[in-house]
C-alpha atoms as a PDB file:
ATOM      1  CA  UNK A   1     -11.437   9.528 -42.338  1.00  0.00           C
ATOM      2  CA  UNK A   2      -8.387   8.112 -40.567  1.00  0.00           C
ATOM      3  CA  UNK A   3      -6.960  10.559 -37.999  1.00  0.00           C
ATOM      4  CA  UNK A   4      -3.646   9.764 -36.311  1.00  0.00           C
ATOM      5  CA  UNK A   5      -1.985  11.414 -33.338  1.00  0.00           C
ATOM      6  CA  UNK A   6       0.614  12.913 -35.696  1.00  0.00           C
ATOM      7  CA  UNK A   7      -2.179  14.685 -37.593  1.00  0.00           C
ATOM      8  CA  UNK A   8      -3.410  16.310 -34.384  1.00  0.00           C
ATOM      9  CA  UNK A   9       0.125  17.333 -33.449  1.00  0.00           C
ATOM     10  CA  UNK A  10       0.551  18.870 -36.930  1.00  0.00           C
ATOM     11  CA  UNK A  11      -2.658  20.895 -36.654  1.00  0.00           C
ATOM     12  CA  UNK A  12      -1.641  22.163 -33.228  1.00  0.00           C
ATOM     13  CA  UNK A  13       1.942  23.026 -34.255  1.00  0.00           C
ATOM     14  CA  UNK A  14       0.910  25.016 -37.349  1.00  0.00           C
ATOM     15  CA  UNK A  15      -1.709  26.884 -35.316  1.00  0.00           C
ATOM     16  CA  UNK A  16       0.827  27.746 -32.602  1.00  0.00           C
ATOM     17  CA  UNK A  17       3.742  28.686 -34.883  1.00  0.00           C
ATOM     18  CA  UNK A  18       1.767  30.253 -37.764  1.00  0.00           C
ATOM     19  CA  UNK A  19       3.588  28.623 -40.674  1.00  0.00           C
ATOM     20  CA  UNK A  20       4.916  25.402 -42.155  1.00  0.00           C
ATOM     21  CA  UNK A  21       8.610  26.126 -41.697  1.00  0.00           C
ATOM     22  CA  UNK A  22       8.559  26.735 -37.929  1.00  0.00           C
ATOM     23  CA  UNK A  23       6.009  23.957 -37.362  1.00  0.00           C
ATOM     24  CA  UNK A  24       8.180  21.505 -39.326  1.00  0.00           C
ATOM     25  CA  UNK A  25      11.199  22.424 -37.189  1.00  0.00           C
ATOM     26  CA  UNK A  26       9.181  21.898 -34.035  1.00  0.00           C
ATOM     27  CA  UNK A  27       7.912  18.512 -35.223  1.00  0.00           C
ATOM     28  CA  UNK A  28      11.396  17.531 -36.422  1.00  0.00           C
ATOM     29  CA  UNK A  29      10.291  16.764 -39.993  1.00  0.00           C
ATOM     30  CA  UNK A  30      10.944  18.487 -43.321  1.00  0.00           C
ATOM     31  CA  UNK A  31       8.618  21.198 -44.598  1.00  0.00           C
ATOM     32  CA  UNK A  32       7.955  19.081 -47.663  1.00  0.00           C
ATOM     33  CA  UNK A  33       6.890  16.106 -45.567  1.00  0.00           C
ATOM     34  CA  UNK A  34       4.635  18.349 -43.489  1.00  0.00           C
ATOM     35  CA  UNK A  35       2.953  19.790 -46.608  1.00  0.00           C
ATOM     36  CA  UNK A  36       2.416  16.273 -47.938  1.00  0.00           C
ATOM     37  CA  UNK A  37       0.869  15.215 -44.622  1.00  0.00           C
ATOM     38  CA  UNK A  38      -1.553  18.167 -44.651  1.00  0.00           C
ATOM     39  CA  UNK A  39      -2.554  17.495 -48.251  1.00  0.00           C
ATOM     40  CA  UNK A  40      -3.268  13.852 -47.479  1.00  0.00           C
ATOM     41  CA  UNK A  41      -5.349  14.777 -44.432  1.00  0.00           C
ATOM     42  CA  UNK A  42      -7.389  17.321 -46.414  1.00  0.00           C
ATOM     43  CA  UNK A  43      -8.023  14.767 -49.132  1.00  0.00           C
ATOM     44  CA  UNK A  44      -9.365  12.389 -46.497  1.00  0.00           C
ATOM     45  CA  UNK A  45     -11.528  15.081 -44.907  1.00  0.00           C
ATOM     46  CA  UNK A  46     -12.731  16.449 -48.246  1.00  0.00           C
ATOM     47  CA  UNK A  47     -12.381  20.031 -46.952  1.00  0.00           C
ATOM     48  CA  UNK A  48      -9.593  22.565 -46.544  1.00  0.00           C
ATOM     49  CA  UNK A  49      -8.126  22.697 -43.053  1.00  0.00           C
ATOM     50  CA  UNK A  50      -6.122  25.921 -43.537  1.00  0.00           C
ATOM     51  CA  UNK A  51      -6.680  29.349 -45.078  1.00  0.00           C
ATOM     52  CA  UNK A  52      -3.477  29.431 -47.118  1.00  0.00           C
ATOM     53  CA  UNK A  53      -3.778  33.022 -48.351  1.00  0.00           C
ATOM     54  CA  UNK A  54      -3.427  34.373 -44.798  1.00  0.00           C
ATOM     55  CA  UNK A  55      -0.206  35.218 -43.029  1.00  0.00           C
ATOM     56  CA  UNK A  56       0.363  33.845 -40.535  1.00  0.00           C
ATOM     57  CA  UNK A  57      -1.256  30.633 -41.724  1.00  0.00           C
ATOM     58  CA  UNK A  58      -4.707  30.224 -40.124  1.00  0.00           C
ATOM     59  CA  UNK A  59      -7.014  27.290 -39.555  1.00  0.00           C
ATOM     60  CA  UNK A  60     -10.278  27.034 -41.451  1.00  0.00           C
ATOM     61  CA  UNK A  61     -13.492  26.281 -39.510  1.00  0.00           C
ATOM     62  CA  UNK A  62     -12.888  22.574 -40.186  1.00  0.00           C
ATOM     63  CA  UNK A  63      -9.280  22.935 -38.981  1.00  0.00           C
ATOM     64  CA  UNK A  64     -10.473  24.619 -35.786  1.00  0.00           C
ATOM     65  CA  UNK A  65     -12.664  21.592 -35.118  1.00  0.00           C
ATOM     66  CA  UNK A  66      -9.569  19.384 -35.340  1.00  0.00           C
ATOM     67  CA  UNK A  67      -7.653  21.792 -33.104  1.00  0.00           C
ATOM     68  CA  UNK A  68     -10.297  21.425 -30.392  1.00  0.00           C
ATOM     69  CA  UNK A  69      -9.991  17.661 -30.744  1.00  0.00           C
ATOM     70  CA  UNK A  70      -6.201  17.936 -30.448  1.00  0.00           C
ATOM     71  CA  UNK A  71      -6.530  20.073 -27.303  1.00  0.00           C
ATOM     72  CA  UNK A  72      -8.724  17.387 -25.748  1.00  0.00           C
ATOM     73  CA  UNK A  73      -6.803  14.283 -26.766  1.00  0.00           C
ATOM     74  CA  UNK A  74      -3.111  15.170 -26.855  1.00  0.00           C
ATOM     75  CA  UNK A  75      -2.808  16.121 -23.147  1.00  0.00           C
ATOM     76  CA  UNK A  76      -4.375  12.778 -22.231  1.00  0.00           C
ATOM     77  CA  UNK A  77      -1.984  10.925 -24.532  1.00  0.00           C
ATOM     78  CA  UNK A  78       0.995  12.764 -23.068  1.00  0.00           C
ATOM     79  CA  UNK A  79      -0.197  12.026 -19.540  1.00  0.00           C
ATOM     80  CA  UNK A  80      -0.523   8.284 -20.186  1.00  0.00           C
ATOM     81  CA  UNK A  81       2.877   8.229 -21.891  1.00  0.00           C
ATOM     82  CA  UNK A  82       4.423   9.910 -18.850  1.00  0.00           C
ATOM     83  CA  UNK A  83       2.637   7.466 -16.557  1.00  0.00           C
ATOM     84  CA  UNK A  84       3.918   4.467 -18.517  1.00  0.00           C
ATOM     85  CA  UNK A  85       7.433   5.915 -18.521  1.00  0.00           C
ATOM     86  CA  UNK A  86       7.265   6.309 -14.735  1.00  0.00           C
ATOM     87  CA  UNK A  87       6.053   2.730 -14.398  1.00  0.00           C
ATOM     88  CA  UNK A  88       8.983   1.533 -16.486  1.00  0.00           C
ATOM     89  CA  UNK A  89      11.361   3.559 -14.337  1.00  0.00           C
ATOM     90  CA  UNK A  90       9.743   2.304 -11.130  1.00  0.00           C
ATOM     91  CA  UNK A  91       8.657   5.777 -10.013  1.00  0.00           C
ATOM     92  CA  UNK A  92       4.918   5.099  -9.839  1.00  0.00           C
ATOM     93  CA  UNK A  93       2.786   2.118  -9.025  1.00  0.00           C
ATOM     94  CA  UNK A  94       0.396   0.696  -6.482  1.00  0.00           C
ATOM     95  CA  UNK A  95       1.064  -0.575  -2.996  1.00  0.00           C
ATOM     96  CA  UNK A  96      -2.123  -1.925  -1.446  1.00  0.00           C
ATOM     97  CA  UNK A  97      -1.341  -3.615   1.849  1.00  0.00           C
ATOM     98  CA  UNK A  98      -3.356  -6.228   3.735  1.00  0.00           C
ATOM     99  CA  UNK A  99      -2.602  -6.733   7.429  1.00  0.00           C
ATOM    100  CA  UNK A 100      -3.308 -10.019   9.197  1.00  0.00           C
ATOM    101  CA  UNK A 101      -1.929  -8.606  12.448  1.00  0.00           C
ATOM    102  CA  UNK A 102      -4.357  -6.129  14.047  1.00  0.00           C
ATOM    103  CA  UNK A 103      -1.704  -4.545  16.277  1.00  0.00           C
ATOM    104  CA  UNK A 104       0.489  -3.932  13.230  1.00  0.00           C
ATOM    105  CA  UNK A 105      -1.502  -0.876  12.229  1.00  0.00           C
ATOM    106  CA  UNK A 106       0.418   1.109  14.830  1.00  0.00           C
ATOM    107  CA  UNK A 107       3.751  -0.263  13.633  1.00  0.00           C
ATOM    108  CA  UNK A 108       2.985   0.288   9.948  1.00  0.00           C
ATOM    109  CA  UNK A 109       1.896   3.943  10.030  1.00  0.00           C
ATOM    110  CA  UNK A 110       5.405   5.375  10.675  1.00  0.00           C
ATOM    111  CA  UNK A 111       6.694   3.156   7.857  1.00  0.00           C
ATOM    112  CA  UNK A 112       4.115   4.493   5.407  1.00  0.00           C
ATOM    113  CA  UNK A 113       4.734   8.083   6.499  1.00  0.00           C
ATOM    114  CA  UNK A 114       8.415   7.741   5.566  1.00  0.00           C
ATOM    115  CA  UNK A 115       7.525   5.818   2.388  1.00  0.00           C
ATOM    116  CA  UNK A 116       5.148   8.441   1.000  1.00  0.00           C
ATOM    117  CA  UNK A 117       7.832  11.127   1.218  1.00  0.00           C
ATOM    118  CA  UNK A 118      10.149   9.083  -1.002  1.00  0.00           C
ATOM    119  CA  UNK A 119       7.451   7.747  -3.341  1.00  0.00           C
ATOM    120  CA  UNK A 120       4.687  10.383  -3.580  1.00  0.00           C
ATOM    121  CA  UNK A 121       3.378   8.954  -6.880  1.00  0.00           C
ATOM    122  CA  UNK A 122       2.813   5.427  -5.551  1.00  0.00           C
ATOM    123  CA  UNK A 123      -0.827   4.790  -4.628  1.00  0.00           C
ATOM    124  CA  UNK A 124      -0.829   3.449  -1.048  1.00  0.00           C
ATOM    125  CA  UNK A 125      -3.821   1.887   0.662  1.00  0.00           C
ATOM    126  CA  UNK A 126      -4.334  -0.354   3.696  1.00  0.00           C
ATOM    127  CA  UNK A 127      -6.923  -3.095   3.537  1.00  0.00           C
ATOM    128  CA  UNK A 128      -7.681  -4.964   6.776  1.00  0.00           C
ATOM    129  CA  UNK A 129      -6.651  -8.495   5.844  1.00  0.00           C
ATOM    130  CA  UNK A 130      -8.612  -9.775   8.807  1.00  0.00           C
ATOM    131  CA  UNK A 131     -11.848  -9.351   6.832  1.00  0.00           C
ATOM    132  CA  UNK A 132     -10.840 -11.564   3.869  1.00  0.00           C
ATOM    133  CA  UNK A 133      -8.288 -14.154   2.787  1.00  0.00           C
ATOM    134  CA  UNK A 134      -5.285 -11.900   2.276  1.00  0.00           C
ATOM    135  CA  UNK A 135      -2.823 -14.348   0.724  1.00  0.00           C
ATOM    136  CA  UNK A 136      -5.200 -15.529  -2.041  1.00  0.00           C
ATOM    137  CA  UNK A 137      -5.928 -11.838  -2.679  1.00  0.00           C
ATOM    138  CA  UNK A 138      -2.181 -11.296  -3.083  1.00  0.00           C
ATOM    139  CA  UNK A 139      -2.040 -14.032  -5.719  1.00  0.00           C
ATOM    140  CA  UNK A 140      -4.988 -12.487  -7.562  1.00  0.00           C
ATOM    141  CA  UNK A 141      -3.237  -9.068  -7.508  1.00  0.00           C
ATOM    142  CA  UNK A 142      -6.051  -7.555  -5.447  1.00  0.00           C
ATOM    143  CA  UNK A 143      -3.416  -6.475  -2.903  1.00  0.00           C
ATOM    144  CA  UNK A 144       0.352  -6.073  -3.289  1.00  0.00           C
ATOM    145  CA  UNK A 145       1.781  -6.871   0.131  1.00  0.00           C
ATOM    146  CA  UNK A 146       0.510  -8.868   3.097  1.00  0.00           C
ATOM    147  CA  UNK A 147       1.812  -8.512   6.654  1.00  0.00           C
ATOM    148  CA  UNK A 148       1.446 -11.944   8.230  1.00  0.00           C
ATOM    149  CA  UNK A 149       2.877 -14.144  10.969  1.00  0.00           C
ATOM    150  CA  UNK A 150       1.888 -17.358   9.183  1.00  0.00           C
ATOM    151  CA  UNK A 151       4.076 -18.027   6.122  1.00  0.00           C
ATOM    152  CA  UNK A 152       2.890 -20.577   3.589  1.00  0.00           C
ATOM    153  CA  UNK A 153       4.474 -22.352   0.644  1.00  0.00           C
ATOM    154  CA  UNK A 154       2.698 -20.493  -2.187  1.00  0.00           C
ATOM    155  CA  UNK A 155       3.888 -20.486  -5.784  1.00  0.00           C
ATOM    156  CA  UNK A 156       4.863 -17.010  -6.945  1.00  0.00           C
ATOM    157  CA  UNK A 157       4.876 -15.503  -3.427  1.00  0.00           C
ATOM    158  CA  UNK A 158       7.918 -14.580  -1.332  1.00  0.00           C
ATOM    159  CA  UNK A 159       7.882 -14.198   2.472  1.00  0.00           C
ATOM    160  CA  UNK A 160      10.457 -11.707   3.748  1.00  0.00           C
ATOM    161  CA  UNK A 161      11.308 -11.788   7.449  1.00  0.00           C
ATOM    162  CA  UNK A 162      10.569  -8.513   9.230  1.00  0.00           C
ATOM    163  CA  UNK A 163      11.107  -9.123  12.939  1.00  0.00           C
ATOM    164  CA  UNK A 164      10.535 -11.497  15.829  1.00  0.00           C
ATOM    165  CA  UNK A 165       8.292 -10.669  18.740  1.00  0.00           C
ATOM    166  CA  UNK A 166       6.913 -12.275  21.883  1.00  0.00           C
ATOM    167  CA  UNK A 167       3.206 -12.264  22.786  1.00  0.00           C
ATOM    168  CA  UNK A 168       3.094 -11.286  26.466  1.00  0.00           C
ATOM    169  CA  UNK A 169       0.473 -11.441  29.195  1.00  0.00           C
ATOM    170  CA  UNK A 170      -0.738  -8.011  30.337  1.00  0.00           C
ATOM    171  CA  UNK A 171      -2.571  -7.476  33.648  1.00  0.00           C
ATOM    172  CA  UNK A 172      -3.186  -4.838  36.269  1.00  0.00           C
ATOM    173  CA  UNK A 173      -0.382  -4.471  38.782  1.00  0.00           C
ATOM    174  CA  UNK A 174      -3.040  -5.327  41.410  1.00  0.00           C
ATOM    175  CA  UNK A 175      -4.144  -8.533  39.673  1.00  0.00           C
ATOM    176  CA  UNK A 176      -3.248 -11.792  41.524  1.00  0.00           C
ATOM    177  CA  UNK A 177      -1.519 -13.149  38.407  1.00  0.00           C
ATOM    178  CA  UNK A 178       0.854 -10.175  38.455  1.00  0.00           C
ATOM    179  CA  UNK A 179       2.714 -11.938  41.269  1.00  0.00           C
ATOM    180  CA  UNK A 180       3.603 -14.892  39.028  1.00  0.00           C
ATOM    181  CA  UNK A 181       6.879 -14.944  37.039  1.00  0.00           C
ATOM    182  CA  UNK A 182       4.956 -16.291  34.001  1.00  0.00           C
ATOM    183  CA  UNK A 183       1.443 -17.483  33.143  1.00  0.00           C
ATOM    184  CA  UNK A 184       0.176 -20.730  31.629  1.00  0.00           C
ATOM    185  CA  UNK A 185      -2.963 -21.569  29.693  1.00  0.00           C
ATOM    186  CA  UNK A 186      -4.786 -22.648  32.860  1.00  0.00           C
ATOM    187  CA  UNK A 187      -4.367 -19.161  34.340  1.00  0.00           C
ATOM    188  CA  UNK A 188      -6.830 -17.809  31.764  1.00  0.00           C
ATOM    189  CA  UNK A 189      -9.670 -20.155  32.695  1.00  0.00           C
ATOM    190  CA  UNK A 190     -11.279 -17.795  35.224  1.00  0.00           C
ATOM    191  CA  UNK A 191     -10.356 -14.524  33.513  1.00  0.00           C
ATOM    192  CA  UNK A 192     -12.008 -11.980  31.243  1.00  0.00           C
ATOM    193  CA  UNK A 193      -9.737 -11.908  28.201  1.00  0.00           C
ATOM    194  CA  UNK A 194      -9.665  -8.597  26.322  1.00  0.00           C
ATOM    195  CA  UNK A 195      -8.774  -9.050  22.649  1.00  0.00           C
ATOM    196  CA  UNK A 196      -8.935  -7.307  19.307  1.00  0.00           C
ATOM    197  CA  UNK A 197     -12.190  -7.989  17.392  1.00  0.00           C
ATOM    198  CA  UNK A 198     -10.797 -10.696  15.105  1.00  0.00           C
ATOM    199  CA  UNK A 199     -11.146 -14.449  14.656  1.00  0.00           C
ATOM    200  CA  UNK A 200      -9.567 -16.558  17.370  1.00  0.00           C
ATOM    201  CA  UNK A 201      -7.315 -18.310  14.887  1.00  0.00           C
ATOM    202  CA  UNK A 202      -5.651 -14.952  14.160  1.00  0.00           C
ATOM    203  CA  UNK A 203      -4.874 -14.179  17.799  1.00  0.00           C
ATOM    204  CA  UNK A 204      -1.604 -15.508  19.215  1.00  0.00           C
ATOM    205  CA  UNK A 205      -3.102 -16.194  22.645  1.00  0.00           C
ATOM    206  CA  UNK A 206      -5.547 -18.659  21.099  1.00  0.00           C
ATOM    207  CA  UNK A 207      -3.503 -20.152  18.263  1.00  0.00           C
ATOM    208  CA  UNK A 208      -0.308 -20.580  20.312  1.00  0.00           C
ATOM    209  CA  UNK A 209      -1.635 -21.231  23.819  1.00  0.00           C
ATOM    210  CA  UNK A 210      -5.334 -21.664  24.602  1.00  0.00           C
ATOM    211  CA  UNK A 211      -6.533 -23.769  21.656  1.00  0.00           C
ATOM    212  CA  UNK A 212      -3.719 -26.357  21.980  1.00  0.00           C
ATOM    213  CA  UNK A 213      -4.382 -26.538  25.737  1.00  0.00           C
ATOM    214  CA  UNK A 214      -8.178 -26.677  25.224  1.00  0.00           C
ATOM    215  CA  UNK A 215      -8.693 -23.839  27.679  1.00  0.00           C
ATOM    216  CA  UNK A 216     -11.604 -21.392  27.415  1.00  0.00           C
ATOM    217  CA  UNK A 217     -11.504 -18.043  29.280  1.00  0.00           C
ATOM    218  CA  UNK A 218     -14.449 -17.219  31.521  1.00  0.00           C
ATOM    219  CA  UNK A 219     -15.352 -14.280  29.233  1.00  0.00           C
ATOM    220  CA  UNK A 220     -14.043 -12.495  26.175  1.00  0.00           C
ATOM    221  CA  UNK A 221     -14.302  -8.753  25.622  1.00  0.00           C
ATOM    222  CA  UNK A 222     -13.406  -7.371  22.207  1.00  0.00           C
ATOM    223  CA  UNK A 223     -11.883  -3.897  21.879  1.00  0.00           C
ATOM    224  CA  UNK A 224     -10.692  -2.160  18.708  1.00  0.00           C
ATOM    225  CA  UNK A 225      -7.935   0.112  20.040  1.00  0.00           C
ATOM    226  CA  UNK A 226      -4.729  -0.910  21.827  1.00  0.00           C
ATOM    227  CA  UNK A 227      -4.870   2.157  24.065  1.00  0.00           C
ATOM    228  CA  UNK A 228      -8.350   1.204  25.286  1.00  0.00           C
ATOM    229  CA  UNK A 229      -7.251  -2.394  25.938  1.00  0.00           C
ATOM    230  CA  UNK A 230      -4.438  -1.105  28.134  1.00  0.00           C
ATOM    231  CA  UNK A 231      -6.736   1.302  29.973  1.00  0.00           C
ATOM    232  CA  UNK A 232      -9.166  -1.516  30.737  1.00  0.00           C
ATOM    233  CA  UNK A 233      -6.349  -3.810  31.855  1.00  0.00           C
ATOM    234  CA  UNK A 234      -4.880  -1.089  34.090  1.00  0.00           C
ATOM    235  CA  UNK A 235      -8.358  -0.661  35.627  1.00  0.00           C
ATOM    236  CA  UNK A 236      -8.403  -4.412  36.377  1.00  0.00           C
ATOM    237  CA  UNK A 237     -11.378  -5.035  34.065  1.00  0.00           C
ATOM    238  CA  UNK A 238      -9.663  -8.027  32.492  1.00  0.00           C
ATOM    239  CA  UNK A 239      -6.357  -9.330  31.160  1.00  0.00           C
ATOM    240  CA  UNK A 240      -4.895  -9.350  27.668  1.00  0.00           C
ATOM    241  CA  UNK A 241      -2.118 -10.696  25.476  1.00  0.00           C
ATOM    242  CA  UNK A 242      -0.285  -8.263  23.201  1.00  0.00           C
ATOM    243  CA  UNK A 243       2.969  -8.264  21.235  1.00  0.00           C
ATOM    244  CA  UNK A 244       5.845  -7.163  23.461  1.00  0.00           C
ATOM    245  CA  UNK A 245       6.749  -4.280  21.127  1.00  0.00           C
ATOM    246  CA  UNK A 246       3.208  -2.902  21.307  1.00  0.00           C
ATOM    247  CA  UNK A 247       3.319  -2.680  25.093  1.00  0.00           C
ATOM    248  CA  UNK A 248       6.754  -1.023  25.022  1.00  0.00           C
ATOM    249  CA  UNK A 249       5.657   1.457  22.351  1.00  0.00           C
ATOM    250  CA  UNK A 250       2.451   2.620  24.060  1.00  0.00           C
ATOM    251  CA  UNK A 251       3.397   2.521  27.737  1.00  0.00           C
ATOM    252  CA  UNK A 252       0.757   4.840  29.178  1.00  0.00           C
ATOM    253  CA  UNK A 253       1.129   4.121  32.882  1.00  0.00           C
ATOM    254  CA  UNK A 254       2.757   1.882  35.472  1.00  0.00           C
ATOM    255  CA  UNK A 255      -0.616   0.434  36.502  1.00  0.00           C
ATOM    256  CA  UNK A 256      -0.151  -2.736  34.463  1.00  0.00           C
ATOM    257  CA  UNK A 257       2.584  -5.365  34.203  1.00  0.00           C
ATOM    258  CA  UNK A 258       3.662  -7.860  31.562  1.00  0.00           C
ATOM    259  CA  UNK A 259       4.613 -11.492  32.040  1.00  0.00           C
ATOM    260  CA  UNK A 260       5.844 -14.205  29.627  1.00  0.00           C
ATOM    261  CA  UNK A 261       3.429 -16.789  28.284  1.00  0.00           C
ATOM    262  CA  UNK A 262       4.700 -20.119  29.671  1.00  0.00           C
ATOM    263  CA  UNK A 263       8.022 -20.582  31.433  1.00  0.00           C
ATOM    264  CA  UNK A 264      10.022 -20.561  28.198  1.00  0.00           C
ATOM    265  CA  UNK A 265       7.978 -17.829  26.531  1.00  0.00           C
ATOM    266  CA  UNK A 266       6.422 -17.873  23.062  1.00  0.00           C
ATOM    267  CA  UNK A 267       8.191 -16.417  20.034  1.00  0.00           C
ATOM    268  CA  UNK A 268       6.541 -15.345  16.782  1.00  0.00           C
ATOM    269  CA  UNK A 269       7.881 -13.880  13.551  1.00  0.00           C
ATOM    270  CA  UNK A 270       6.310 -11.276  11.297  1.00  0.00           C
ATOM    271  CA  UNK A 271       6.694 -11.462   7.510  1.00  0.00           C
ATOM    272  CA  UNK A 272       5.996  -9.314   4.474  1.00  0.00           C
ATOM    273  CA  UNK A 273       4.524 -11.431   1.674  1.00  0.00           C
ATOM    274  CA  UNK A 274       4.889 -10.075  -1.866  1.00  0.00           C
ATOM    275  CA  UNK A 275       4.579 -11.525  -5.343  1.00  0.00           C
ATOM    276  CA  UNK A 276       7.895 -12.796  -6.703  1.00  0.00           C
ATOM    277  CA  UNK A 277       7.399 -10.746  -9.882  1.00  0.00           C
ATOM    278  CA  UNK A 278       7.239  -7.539  -7.797  1.00  0.00           C
ATOM    279  CA  UNK A 279      10.377  -8.143  -5.760  1.00  0.00           C
ATOM    280  CA  UNK A 280      12.587  -6.078  -8.098  1.00  0.00           C
ATOM    281  CA  UNK A 281      10.357  -2.997  -8.065  1.00  0.00           C
ATOM    282  CA  UNK A 282      12.295  -0.176  -6.378  1.00  0.00           C
ATOM    283  CA  UNK A 283       9.361   1.056  -4.277  1.00  0.00           C
ATOM    284  CA  UNK A 284       8.625  -2.491  -3.033  1.00  0.00           C
ATOM    285  CA  UNK A 285      12.247  -2.874  -1.951  1.00  0.00           C
ATOM    286  CA  UNK A 286      12.125   0.532  -0.261  1.00  0.00           C
ATOM    287  CA  UNK A 287       8.966  -0.277   1.695  1.00  0.00           C
ATOM    288  CA  UNK A 288      10.419  -3.549   2.952  1.00  0.00           C
ATOM    289  CA  UNK A 289      13.656  -1.761   3.880  1.00  0.00           C
ATOM    290  CA  UNK A 290      11.754   0.907   5.841  1.00  0.00           C
ATOM    291  CA  UNK A 291       9.685  -1.783   7.543  1.00  0.00           C
ATOM    292  CA  UNK A 292      12.868  -3.503   8.677  1.00  0.00           C
ATOM    293  CA  UNK A 293      14.294  -0.258  10.035  1.00  0.00           C
ATOM    294  CA  UNK A 294      11.129   0.460  12.010  1.00  0.00           C
ATOM    295  CA  UNK A 295      11.148  -3.111  13.298  1.00  0.00           C
ATOM    296  CA  UNK A 296      14.692  -2.687  14.653  1.00  0.00           C
ATOM    297  CA  UNK A 297      13.666   0.571  16.320  1.00  0.00           C
ATOM    298  CA  UNK A 298      10.766  -1.165  18.052  1.00  0.00           C
ATOM    299  CA  UNK A 299      12.960  -4.009  19.259  1.00  0.00           C
ATOM    300  CA  UNK A 300      15.478  -1.549  20.723  1.00  0.00           C
ATOM    301  CA  UNK A 301      12.818   0.633  22.383  1.00  0.00           C
END
């Protein structure tokens, strides 16, 4: 027996409207075509699906079995059709984000809060890109956007500039290095450096300053939260290096100071990496636009 979706819709329409004429109108076919369809389906089934002598027209026990099937299947079909239509229109989708910048969690949350209000049907998730190779995951479609400060020449991937920032030295106002106009790599040699719990290669203080200078701090203390790093620094338990916008955004007290790294300072740029094929998706464009707006707000803070 070969059952098609149109057969299930026919069974349901006749049951709901009680006759061929009204059901045919609802299905937008002629009454003759509907009768022919029912006859063909009954010939396949080998049983009557309707009690024709009743008014309104009623389903037989076999027809009721098909009605239950229609009630189970048709809503699922309609749901997937609506989902596909939304995908075509760019109203739904997936936006799984990997972050290679630990401090960027605090910058990204306001962006996602605004994004979800405009795109409630887009599935948003944040995956810490520090725990895996985020850019290869982007190519494999395991994630959809990567926040990174290290652009690469990768086929099928676009890097969109978000904003520039400066990693700055942070120390207690009572720390001896607070008296200097700027700090160099050598200034870290006898210090406890407080960092996020990530690989050295992903920390600006190491990749841009200490590793090239071959300088090792006296000790390293890893802390998950920016607020705790600043509390420890203010208590003179160590020094740190954070993006300038982070320090401006979460200024908890006047007990710590910031200084440039090197006399000329160090500049870094943050990018959003997305697959080229996804660049035209409306919700991708919106997320990047919101990220840029939040970036400008941070730079003006």
